[in-house]
Amino acid sequence: MTTIRAGIATLWLLSPPVLAVIAFRLWKHMSRPNGLNAGLPVAVGAAVLANWLLFVAFAGAGQIGGFGSHYMTTRLADVFLLASLLVLIASIFAYVGRWQLSLASFLMLTLWVGSEMVA
């Protein structure tokens, strides 16, 4: 049972950057419209990757995490939680890689929410 949980947690943690890279590749090979919407998939993908890197850095530094323990989280985690929600909303409007970016954003949002929960 522990192996299954560890596998799910690893998949959950590693999926957002993979999905963002897939969306980048789709954007690269599609014809792009002009205007403001042209760069939205790239901006959302970059935000997902930055958000993921921050999550990994904070978790590695012991600033967040615990998932069921009594760790206190940094106040910056609240900001990143809000940023994740905004990136999720923006990903819905991306014209290329919408479901990849939306799923990656949702996974990041849930990771930040999980880091905020303490027992």
Protein backbone atom coordinates (compact mmCIF):
# COMPACT_ATOMS: atom_id res chain seq x y z
CA MET A 1 0.00 0.00 0.00
CA THR A 2 2.83 2.42 0.81
CA THR A 3 4.46 1.76 -2.56
CA ILE A 4 1.23 2.63 -4.34
CA ARG A 5 0.89 5.87 -2.38
CA ALA A 6 4.49 6.81 -3.10
CA GLY A 7 3.95 6.10 -6.79
CA ILE A 8 0.84 8.25 -6.91
CA ALA A 9 2.58 11.09 -5.05
CA THR A 10 5.56 10.91 -7.42
CA LEU A 11 3.31 10.91 -10.46
CA TRP A 12 1.33 13.83 -9.02
CA LEU A 13 4.51 15.82 -8.38
CA LEU A 14 6.16 15.11 -11.74
CA SER A 15 3.10 15.53 -13.98
CA PRO A 16 2.84 19.36 -14.08
CA PRO A 17 6.20 20.03 -15.78
CA VAL A 18 5.63 17.17 -18.23
CA LEU A 19 2.18 18.50 -19.14
CA ALA A 20 3.58 22.04 -19.53
CA VAL A 21 6.31 20.79 -21.88
CA ILE A 22 3.70 18.92 -23.94
CA ALA A 23 1.67 22.13 -24.20
CA PHE A 24 4.80 24.04 -25.30
CA ARG A 25 5.41 21.48 -28.03
CA LEU A 26 1.80 21.71 -29.20
CA TRP A 27 2.06 25.51 -29.27
CA LYS A 28 5.28 25.32 -31.27
CA HIS A 29 3.69 23.18 -33.99
CA MET A 30 0.35 24.97 -34.29
CA SER A 31 -0.47 28.05 -36.28
CA ARG A 32 -0.74 30.96 -33.89
CA PRO A 33 -3.29 33.74 -33.96
CA ASN A 34 -2.10 37.32 -33.72
CA GLY A 35 -2.76 39.51 -30.74
CA LEU A 36 -2.86 39.05 -27.02
CA ASN A 37 -4.02 35.42 -27.14
CA ALA A 38 -0.94 34.33 -29.11
CA GLY A 39 1.36 34.28 -26.08
CA LEU A 40 -1.11 33.06 -23.47
CA PRO A 41 -0.19 29.34 -23.70
CA VAL A 42 3.50 30.19 -23.32
CA ALA A 43 2.86 32.51 -20.38
CA VAL A 44 0.67 29.94 -18.62
CA GLY A 45 3.17 27.15 -19.29
CA ALA A 46 6.03 29.26 -17.94
CA ALA A 47 3.94 30.11 -14.86
CA VAL A 48 3.22 26.41 -14.26
CA LEU A 49 6.92 25.56 -14.53
CA ALA A 50 7.93 28.42 -12.22
CA ASN A 51 5.23 27.42 -9.75
CA TRP A 52 6.46 23.83 -9.81
CA LEU A 53 10.07 24.87 -9.27
CA LEU A 54 9.03 27.03 -6.31
CA PHE A 55 7.03 24.17 -4.82
CA VAL A 56 9.95 21.76 -5.13
CA ALA A 57 12.36 24.35 -3.68
CA PHE A 58 10.10 25.13 -0.73
CA ALA A 59 9.46 21.45 -0.07
CA GLY A 60 13.17 20.68 -0.30
CA ALA A 61 13.98 23.49 2.13
CA GLY A 62 11.36 22.24 4.59
CA GLN A 63 9.29 25.42 4.35
CA ILE A 64 6.15 23.55 3.35
CA GLY A 65 4.91 20.03 3.51
CA GLY A 66 4.25 17.60 6.20
CA PHE A 67 0.95 16.41 4.76
CA GLY A 68 -0.66 15.31 7.99
CA SER A 69 2.02 16.51 10.37
CA HIS A 70 2.16 19.70 12.40
CA TYR A 71 4.50 21.68 10.18
CA MET A 72 3.89 25.37 9.89
CA THR A 73 4.03 26.65 6.35
CA THR A 74 5.57 29.89 5.19
CA ARG A 75 3.26 32.81 4.46
CA LEU A 76 4.54 32.83 0.89
CA ALA A 77 2.70 29.56 0.34
CA ASP A 78 -0.55 31.53 0.56
CA VAL A 79 0.63 33.79 -2.27
CA PHE A 80 1.60 30.81 -4.40
CA LEU A 81 -1.73 29.17 -3.69
CA LEU A 82 -3.51 32.27 -5.01
CA ALA A 83 -1.14 32.44 -7.98
CA SER A 84 -1.93 28.80 -8.79
CA LEU A 85 -5.63 29.59 -8.82
CA LEU A 86 -5.05 32.52 -11.18
CA VAL A 87 -2.91 30.36 -13.48
CA LEU A 88 -5.68 27.74 -13.52
CA ILE A 89 -8.19 30.39 -14.59
CA ALA A 90 -5.82 31.69 -17.27
CA SER A 91 -5.16 28.18 -18.58
CA ILE A 92 -8.85 27.78 -19.40
CA PHE A 93 -8.47 30.56 -21.97
CA ALA A 94 -5.40 29.10 -23.69
CA TYR A 95 -6.20 28.10 -27.25
CA VAL A 96 -3.42 25.48 -27.55
CA GLY A 97 -2.78 22.80 -24.96
CA ARG A 98 -5.79 23.86 -22.92
CA TRP A 99 -6.38 20.56 -21.16
CA GLN A 100 -2.66 19.95 -20.53
CA LEU A 101 -2.19 23.40 -19.02
CA SER A 102 -5.44 23.20 -17.08
CA LEU A 103 -4.56 19.81 -15.62
CA ALA A 104 -1.02 20.93 -14.75
CA SER A 105 -2.40 24.08 -13.11
CA PHE A 106 -4.99 22.07 -11.18
CA LEU A 107 -2.33 19.63 -9.96
CA MET A 108 -0.16 22.54 -8.78
CA LEU A 109 -3.14 24.10 -7.02
CA THR A 110 -3.82 20.86 -5.18
CA LEU A 111 -0.15 20.53 -4.20
CA TRP A 112 -0.22 24.00 -2.66
CA VAL A 113 -3.54 23.30 -0.94
CA GLY A 114 -2.10 20.08 0.45
CA SER A 115 0.94 21.92 1.75
CA GLU A 116 -1.32 24.38 3.57
CA MET A 117 -3.23 21.65 5.41
CA VAL A 118 -1.93 20.73 8.80
CA ALA A 119 -3.41 18.26 11.23
